[in-house]
Amino acid sequence: KTMDVSPQNENIDSLFSNTTFYIDFYQRQYKWNDAPVKRLLDDVFYKFLEEHKRFKDSDEESETLIHKYSWYYLNTYVTNVDKNTNKTYIVDGQQRLTTLSLILIKLMHLAKQYNEEELRQWISTKIAGWSGKHKNFWMNHEGHQATLEALFNGAEEIPTSSGITAQNMASNYRVISERLDKELDDKIIFERFVYYFMYRLIIIKLNVEQTNVPMVFEV
């Protein structure tokens, strides 16, 4: 059977905009602990701070200035659309995508702290979409909605009784929160980082059109 794999470049702004990502049964847990999370943050901040230094004295608006920053490549993720239900499943990359979602949640709370209401609203639409009153997280960890809700709402207590995914989301969020508080300690650097994060981080989407997805790993 031929396999049709078509790569697509995306930034975070387009990645989380109208596709709900479901996690397939055979790779359901969010397993990352603090080591890969710190590594991802190190990578992102290393590139960002380099660029930020280059344009530190610019008084250009963050939104336009950011297009002079070089982009940073964040690897690939693999999806498969179920022909029967039309749901998009993540075959590979859910660890990274879940972590990016957690970073977005922290950025949303920082936007509130810095009284950046428009940015806060924009960031919130990259975490979840709404249909009527119903909120739908793009990274749809179906069994862990309570954890996602609590993180989204900035609750003091984050419930983690739904399992290892919830526990890792809560503890990794703390790691992310500390790091972003430390790095983004004024409004200008916060603003620039948000635009950088949304527009200059590139992730490549591979959609695999075939029924027997576990085979992809062997391929």
C-alpha atoms as a PDB file:
ATOM      1  CA  LYS A   1       0.000   0.000   0.000  1.00  0.00           C
ATOM      2  CA  THR A   2       1.482   3.365  -0.901  1.00  0.00           C
ATOM      3  CA  MET A   3       1.860   5.918   1.798  1.00  0.00           C
ATOM      4  CA  ASP A   4       1.083   9.525   1.118  1.00  0.00           C
ATOM      5  CA  VAL A   5       3.096  11.771   3.420  1.00  0.00           C
ATOM      6  CA  SER A   6       2.925  15.481   2.746  1.00  0.00           C
ATOM      7  CA  PRO A   7       5.036  17.776   4.954  1.00  0.00           C
ATOM      8  CA  GLN A   8       3.707  21.195   5.891  1.00  0.00           C
ATOM      9  CA  ASN A   9       5.508  24.001   7.691  1.00  0.00           C
ATOM     10  CA  GLU A  10       3.534  25.572  10.500  1.00  0.00           C
ATOM     11  CA  ASN A  11       4.111  28.084  13.253  1.00  0.00           C
ATOM     12  CA  ILE A  12       2.393  27.833  16.647  1.00  0.00           C
ATOM     13  CA  ASP A  13      -0.203  30.390  15.582  1.00  0.00           C
ATOM     14  CA  SER A  14      -1.404  28.134  12.755  1.00  0.00           C
ATOM     15  CA  LEU A  15      -0.749  24.819  14.518  1.00  0.00           C
ATOM     16  CA  PHE A  16      -3.292  25.473  17.282  1.00  0.00           C
ATOM     17  CA  SER A  17      -6.065  27.218  15.423  1.00  0.00           C
ATOM     18  CA  ASN A  18      -8.808  24.871  14.324  1.00  0.00           C
ATOM     19  CA  THR A  19      -7.724  21.253  14.680  1.00  0.00           C
ATOM     20  CA  THR A  20      -8.544  19.236  17.770  1.00  0.00           C
ATOM     21  CA  PHE A  21      -5.770  16.697  18.324  1.00  0.00           C
ATOM     22  CA  TYR A  22      -6.800  13.365  19.800  1.00  0.00           C
ATOM     23  CA  ILE A  23      -4.338  11.004  21.427  1.00  0.00           C
ATOM     24  CA  ASP A  24      -4.441   7.460  20.119  1.00  0.00           C
ATOM     25  CA  PHE A  25      -4.963   4.527  22.448  1.00  0.00           C
ATOM     26  CA  TYR A  26      -1.541   2.964  21.909  1.00  0.00           C
ATOM     27  CA  GLN A  27       0.425   6.037  22.981  1.00  0.00           C
ATOM     28  CA  ARG A  28      -1.894   7.713  25.388  1.00  0.00           C
ATOM     29  CA  GLN A  29       0.292   9.028  28.250  1.00  0.00           C
ATOM     30  CA  TYR A  30       2.091  12.330  28.487  1.00  0.00           C
ATOM     31  CA  LYS A  31       5.382  10.946  29.785  1.00  0.00           C
ATOM     32  CA  TRP A  32       7.812  13.856  29.664  1.00  0.00           C
ATOM     33  CA  ASN A  33       9.397  14.743  32.984  1.00  0.00           C
ATOM     34  CA  ASP A  34      11.321  17.930  33.759  1.00  0.00           C
ATOM     35  CA  ALA A  35      14.494  16.994  31.801  1.00  0.00           C
ATOM     36  CA  PRO A  36      13.068  17.138  28.236  1.00  0.00           C
ATOM     37  CA  VAL A  37      10.881  20.102  29.230  1.00  0.00           C
ATOM     38  CA  LYS A  38      13.938  22.047  30.418  1.00  0.00           C
ATOM     39  CA  ARG A  39      15.777  21.050  27.248  1.00  0.00           C
ATOM     40  CA  LEU A  40      12.952  22.404  25.084  1.00  0.00           C
ATOM     41  CA  LEU A  41      12.871  25.649  27.099  1.00  0.00           C
ATOM     42  CA  ASP A  42      16.661  25.942  26.836  1.00  0.00           C
ATOM     43  CA  ASP A  43      16.499  25.559  23.056  1.00  0.00           C
ATOM     44  CA  VAL A  44      13.699  28.068  22.613  1.00  0.00           C
ATOM     45  CA  PHE A  45      15.222  30.655  24.940  1.00  0.00           C
ATOM     46  CA  TYR A  46      18.751  30.244  23.607  1.00  0.00           C
ATOM     47  CA  LYS A  47      17.595  31.281  20.126  1.00  0.00           C
ATOM     48  CA  PHE A  48      15.165  33.913  21.347  1.00  0.00           C
ATOM     49  CA  LEU A  49      17.635  35.660  23.674  1.00  0.00           C
ATOM     50  CA  GLU A  50      20.247  35.731  20.906  1.00  0.00           C
ATOM     51  CA  GLU A  51      17.774  37.497  18.620  1.00  0.00           C
ATOM     52  CA  HIS A  52      16.449  39.682  21.406  1.00  0.00           C
ATOM     53  CA  LYS A  53      19.990  40.945  22.048  1.00  0.00           C
ATOM     54  CA  ARG A  54      20.446  41.801  18.384  1.00  0.00           C
ATOM     55  CA  PHE A  55      17.341  44.004  18.355  1.00  0.00           C
ATOM     56  CA  LYS A  56      17.379  45.121  21.967  1.00  0.00           C
ATOM     57  CA  ASP A  57      17.556  48.829  21.191  1.00  0.00           C
ATOM     58  CA  SER A  58      14.930  48.824  18.491  1.00  0.00           C
ATOM     59  CA  ASP A  59      11.798  50.790  19.234  1.00  0.00           C
ATOM     60  CA  GLU A  60       9.884  49.106  16.428  1.00  0.00           C
ATOM     61  CA  GLU A  61       6.572  47.500  17.417  1.00  0.00           C
ATOM     62  CA  SER A  62       7.137  43.946  18.659  1.00  0.00           C
ATOM     63  CA  GLU A  63       4.665  42.576  16.145  1.00  0.00           C
ATOM     64  CA  THR A  64       6.594  43.834  13.108  1.00  0.00           C
ATOM     65  CA  LEU A  65      10.089  43.605  14.610  1.00  0.00           C
ATOM     66  CA  ILE A  66       9.666  39.902  15.252  1.00  0.00           C
ATOM     67  CA  HIS A  67       9.767  39.141  11.514  1.00  0.00           C
ATOM     68  CA  LYS A  68      13.424  40.190  11.549  1.00  0.00           C
ATOM     69  CA  TYR A  69      14.164  37.494  14.143  1.00  0.00           C
ATOM     70  CA  SER A  70      15.398  34.292  12.545  1.00  0.00           C
ATOM     71  CA  TRP A  71      13.050  31.360  12.879  1.00  0.00           C
ATOM     72  CA  TYR A  72      13.714  28.287  14.940  1.00  0.00           C
ATOM     73  CA  TYR A  73      12.883  24.759  13.837  1.00  0.00           C
ATOM     74  CA  LEU A  74      11.115  22.629  16.436  1.00  0.00           C
ATOM     75  CA  ASN A  75      11.051  19.256  14.708  1.00  0.00           C
ATOM     76  CA  THR A  76       8.097  17.354  13.259  1.00  0.00           C
ATOM     77  CA  TYR A  77       4.839  15.843  14.404  1.00  0.00           C
ATOM     78  CA  VAL A  78       2.797  13.166  12.685  1.00  0.00           C
ATOM     79  CA  THR A  79      -0.992  13.009  12.378  1.00  0.00           C
ATOM     80  CA  ASN A  80      -3.490  10.600  10.950  1.00  0.00           C
ATOM     81  CA  VAL A  81      -7.099  11.464  10.175  1.00  0.00           C
ATOM     82  CA  ASP A  82      -9.597   8.730  10.978  1.00  0.00           C
ATOM     83  CA  LYS A  83     -11.718   8.309   7.855  1.00  0.00           C
ATOM     84  CA  ASN A  84     -14.773   7.173   9.814  1.00  0.00           C
ATOM     85  CA  THR A  85     -14.908   9.857  12.497  1.00  0.00           C
ATOM     86  CA  ASN A  86     -12.872  12.588  10.772  1.00  0.00           C
ATOM     87  CA  LYS A  87     -10.897  13.009  14.004  1.00  0.00           C
ATOM     88  CA  THR A  88      -7.212  13.973  13.792  1.00  0.00           C
ATOM     89  CA  TYR A  89      -5.008  11.713  15.863  1.00  0.00           C
ATOM     90  CA  ILE A  90      -1.437  12.486  16.879  1.00  0.00           C
ATOM     91  CA  VAL A  91       0.725   9.546  15.946  1.00  0.00           C
ATOM     92  CA  ASP A  92       3.984  11.102  17.024  1.00  0.00           C
ATOM     93  CA  GLY A  93       4.785  14.394  18.753  1.00  0.00           C
ATOM     94  CA  GLN A  94       2.193  14.590  21.507  1.00  0.00           C
ATOM     95  CA  GLN A  95       4.914  15.069  24.174  1.00  0.00           C
ATOM     96  CA  ARG A  96       6.214  18.199  22.478  1.00  0.00           C
ATOM     97  CA  LEU A  97       2.775  19.536  21.517  1.00  0.00           C
ATOM     98  CA  THR A  98       1.402  19.050  25.029  1.00  0.00           C
ATOM     99  CA  THR A  99       4.432  20.896  26.423  1.00  0.00           C
ATOM    100  CA  LEU A 100       3.884  23.766  23.949  1.00  0.00           C
ATOM    101  CA  SER A 101       0.280  23.961  25.180  1.00  0.00           C
ATOM    102  CA  LEU A 102       1.490  24.233  28.775  1.00  0.00           C
ATOM    103  CA  ILE A 103       3.839  27.069  27.763  1.00  0.00           C
ATOM    104  CA  LEU A 104       0.883  28.838  26.127  1.00  0.00           C
ATOM    105  CA  ILE A 105      -1.159  28.516  29.328  1.00  0.00           C
ATOM    106  CA  LYS A 106       1.647  30.180  31.288  1.00  0.00           C
ATOM    107  CA  LEU A 107       1.980  32.939  28.660  1.00  0.00           C
ATOM    108  CA  MET A 108      -1.760  33.571  28.903  1.00  0.00           C
ATOM    109  CA  HIS A 109      -1.487  34.060  32.687  1.00  0.00           C
ATOM    110  CA  LEU A 110       1.546  36.332  32.255  1.00  0.00           C
ATOM    111  CA  ALA A 111      -0.400  38.445  29.745  1.00  0.00           C
ATOM    112  CA  LYS A 112      -3.006  39.010  32.427  1.00  0.00           C
ATOM    113  CA  GLN A 113      -0.273  39.982  34.895  1.00  0.00           C
ATOM    114  CA  TYR A 114       1.131  42.522  32.417  1.00  0.00           C
ATOM    115  CA  ASN A 115      -2.364  43.864  31.594  1.00  0.00           C
ATOM    116  CA  GLU A 116      -1.995  42.771  27.982  1.00  0.00           C
ATOM    117  CA  GLU A 117      -5.649  41.948  27.409  1.00  0.00           C
ATOM    118  CA  GLU A 118      -5.513  41.586  23.602  1.00  0.00           C
ATOM    119  CA  LEU A 119      -2.508  39.286  23.843  1.00  0.00           C
ATOM    120  CA  ARG A 120      -4.233  37.316  26.589  1.00  0.00           C
ATOM    121  CA  GLN A 121      -7.261  36.747  24.364  1.00  0.00           C
ATOM    122  CA  TRP A 122      -5.131  35.753  21.379  1.00  0.00           C
ATOM    123  CA  ILE A 123      -3.071  33.288  23.430  1.00  0.00           C
ATOM    124  CA  SER A 124      -6.212  31.767  24.951  1.00  0.00           C
ATOM    125  CA  THR A 125      -7.499  30.867  21.453  1.00  0.00           C
ATOM    126  CA  LYS A 126      -4.283  28.865  20.888  1.00  0.00           C
ATOM    127  CA  ILE A 127      -5.021  26.708  23.938  1.00  0.00           C
ATOM    128  CA  ALA A 128      -8.680  26.026  23.305  1.00  0.00           C
ATOM    129  CA  GLY A 129     -11.487  26.797  20.912  1.00  0.00           C
ATOM    130  CA  TRP A 130     -15.094  27.526  21.794  1.00  0.00           C
ATOM    131  CA  SER A 131     -18.319  26.279  20.326  1.00  0.00           C
ATOM    132  CA  GLY A 132     -21.086  28.033  22.167  1.00  0.00           C
ATOM    133  CA  LYS A 133     -20.335  27.782  25.871  1.00  0.00           C
ATOM    134  CA  HIS A 134     -18.287  24.666  25.390  1.00  0.00           C
ATOM    135  CA  LYS A 135     -14.491  24.967  25.588  1.00  0.00           C
ATOM    136  CA  ASN A 136     -12.479  22.481  23.595  1.00  0.00           C
ATOM    137  CA  PHE A 137      -8.728  22.104  24.252  1.00  0.00           C
ATOM    138  CA  TRP A 138      -6.781  21.676  21.009  1.00  0.00           C
ATOM    139  CA  MET A 139      -4.587  19.109  22.759  1.00  0.00           C
ATOM    140  CA  ASN A 140      -7.498  16.959  23.707  1.00  0.00           C
ATOM    141  CA  HIS A 141      -6.329  14.716  26.533  1.00  0.00           C
ATOM    142  CA  GLU A 142      -9.796  13.275  26.951  1.00  0.00           C
ATOM    143  CA  GLY A 143      -9.366  11.725  30.380  1.00  0.00           C
ATOM    144  CA  HIS A 144      -7.660  14.780  31.870  1.00  0.00           C
ATOM    145  CA  GLN A 145     -10.030  17.676  31.280  1.00  0.00           C
ATOM    146  CA  ALA A 146     -10.119  18.610  34.983  1.00  0.00           C
ATOM    147  CA  THR A 147      -6.342  19.107  35.017  1.00  0.00           C
ATOM    148  CA  LEU A 148      -6.394  21.208  31.849  1.00  0.00           C
ATOM    149  CA  GLU A 149      -9.303  23.303  33.179  1.00  0.00           C
ATOM    150  CA  ALA A 150      -7.509  23.963  36.473  1.00  0.00           C
ATOM    151  CA  LEU A 151      -4.290  24.999  34.706  1.00  0.00           C
ATOM    152  CA  PHE A 152      -6.253  27.170  32.282  1.00  0.00           C
ATOM    153  CA  ASN A 153      -8.125  28.877  35.122  1.00  0.00           C
ATOM    154  CA  GLY A 154      -4.964  29.406  37.176  1.00  0.00           C
ATOM    155  CA  ALA A 155      -6.295  27.346  40.081  1.00  0.00           C
ATOM    156  CA  GLU A 156      -4.159  26.976  43.207  1.00  0.00           C
ATOM    157  CA  GLU A 157      -4.804  23.233  43.384  1.00  0.00           C
ATOM    158  CA  ILE A 158      -4.287  21.182  40.223  1.00  0.00           C
ATOM    159  CA  PRO A 159      -6.112  17.823  40.312  1.00  0.00           C
ATOM    160  CA  THR A 160      -3.898  14.934  39.206  1.00  0.00           C
ATOM    161  CA  SER A 161      -5.921  11.880  40.187  1.00  0.00           C
ATOM    162  CA  SER A 162      -6.669  11.010  36.547  1.00  0.00           C
ATOM    163  CA  GLY A 163      -3.201   9.494  36.127  1.00  0.00           C
ATOM    164  CA  ILE A 164       0.375   9.957  34.978  1.00  0.00           C
ATOM    165  CA  THR A 165      -0.511  12.418  32.187  1.00  0.00           C
ATOM    166  CA  ALA A 166      -2.183  14.740  34.709  1.00  0.00           C
ATOM    167  CA  GLN A 167       0.706  14.436  37.160  1.00  0.00           C
ATOM    168  CA  ASN A 168       3.258  15.280  34.468  1.00  0.00           C
ATOM    169  CA  MET A 169       1.180  18.173  33.160  1.00  0.00           C
ATOM    170  CA  ALA A 170       0.989  19.670  36.663  1.00  0.00           C
ATOM    171  CA  SER A 171       4.671  19.222  37.534  1.00  0.00           C
ATOM    172  CA  ASN A 172       5.929  20.338  34.099  1.00  0.00           C
ATOM    173  CA  TYR A 173       3.701  23.390  34.296  1.00  0.00           C
ATOM    174  CA  ARG A 174       5.507  24.372  37.503  1.00  0.00           C
ATOM    175  CA  VAL A 175       8.880  24.032  35.750  1.00  0.00           C
ATOM    176  CA  ILE A 176       7.631  26.166  32.832  1.00  0.00           C
ATOM    177  CA  SER A 177       6.072  28.725  35.146  1.00  0.00           C
ATOM    178  CA  GLU A 178       9.290  29.273  37.103  1.00  0.00           C
ATOM    179  CA  ARG A 179      11.404  29.586  33.989  1.00  0.00           C
ATOM    180  CA  LEU A 180       9.067  32.045  32.234  1.00  0.00           C
ATOM    181  CA  ASP A 181       8.734  34.180  35.368  1.00  0.00           C
ATOM    182  CA  LYS A 182      12.520  34.384  35.466  1.00  0.00           C
ATOM    183  CA  GLU A 183      13.144  35.089  31.758  1.00  0.00           C
ATOM    184  CA  LEU A 184      10.176  37.315  30.930  1.00  0.00           C
ATOM    185  CA  ASP A 185      10.580  39.783  33.736  1.00  0.00           C
ATOM    186  CA  ASP A 186       9.394  42.919  31.961  1.00  0.00           C
ATOM    187  CA  LYS A 187       6.616  43.811  29.574  1.00  0.00           C
ATOM    188  CA  ILE A 188       8.744  44.392  26.468  1.00  0.00           C
ATOM    189  CA  ILE A 189      10.619  41.090  26.626  1.00  0.00           C
ATOM    190  CA  PHE A 190       7.335  39.336  27.421  1.00  0.00           C
ATOM    191  CA  GLU A 191       5.653  40.864  24.367  1.00  0.00           C
ATOM    192  CA  ARG A 192       8.522  40.009  22.056  1.00  0.00           C
ATOM    193  CA  PHE A 193       8.663  36.473  23.336  1.00  0.00           C
ATOM    194  CA  VAL A 194       4.936  35.965  22.694  1.00  0.00           C
ATOM    195  CA  TYR A 195       5.281  37.029  19.047  1.00  0.00           C
ATOM    196  CA  TYR A 196       8.455  34.995  18.672  1.00  0.00           C
ATOM    197  CA  PHE A 197       6.777  31.937  20.158  1.00  0.00           C
ATOM    198  CA  MET A 198       3.716  32.293  17.915  1.00  0.00           C
ATOM    199  CA  TYR A 199       5.377  33.243  14.644  1.00  0.00           C
ATOM    200  CA  ARG A 200       9.037  32.169  14.596  1.00  0.00           C
ATOM    201  CA  LEU A 201       8.921  28.645  16.000  1.00  0.00           C
ATOM    202  CA  ILE A 202       8.381  26.307  13.079  1.00  0.00           C
ATOM    203  CA  ILE A 203       7.090  22.784  13.436  1.00  0.00           C
ATOM    204  CA  ILE A 204       6.621  20.441  10.499  1.00  0.00           C
ATOM    205  CA  LYS A 205       3.398  18.518  10.172  1.00  0.00           C
ATOM    206  CA  LEU A 206       3.368  15.150   8.465  1.00  0.00           C
ATOM    207  CA  ASN A 207      -0.061  13.744   7.826  1.00  0.00           C
ATOM    208  CA  VAL A 208       0.029  10.038   7.136  1.00  0.00           C
ATOM    209  CA  GLU A 209      -2.832   8.790   5.010  1.00  0.00           C
ATOM    210  CA  GLN A 210      -3.216   5.158   5.865  1.00  0.00           C
ATOM    211  CA  THR A 211      -5.252   2.905   8.070  1.00  0.00           C
ATOM    212  CA  ASN A 212      -2.605   0.929   9.889  1.00  0.00           C
ATOM    213  CA  VAL A 213      -0.848   3.744  11.735  1.00  0.00           C
ATOM    214  CA  PRO A 214       1.462   1.751  14.058  1.00  0.00           C
ATOM    215  CA  MET A 215       3.223   0.683  10.873  1.00  0.00           C
ATOM    216  CA  VAL A 216       4.451   4.251  10.445  1.00  0.00           C
ATOM    217  CA  PHE A 217       6.989   3.758  13.204  1.00  0.00           C
ATOM    218  CA  GLU A 218       8.454   0.750  11.420  1.00  0.00           C
ATOM    219  CA  VAL A 219       8.582   2.703   8.168  1.00  0.00           C
END
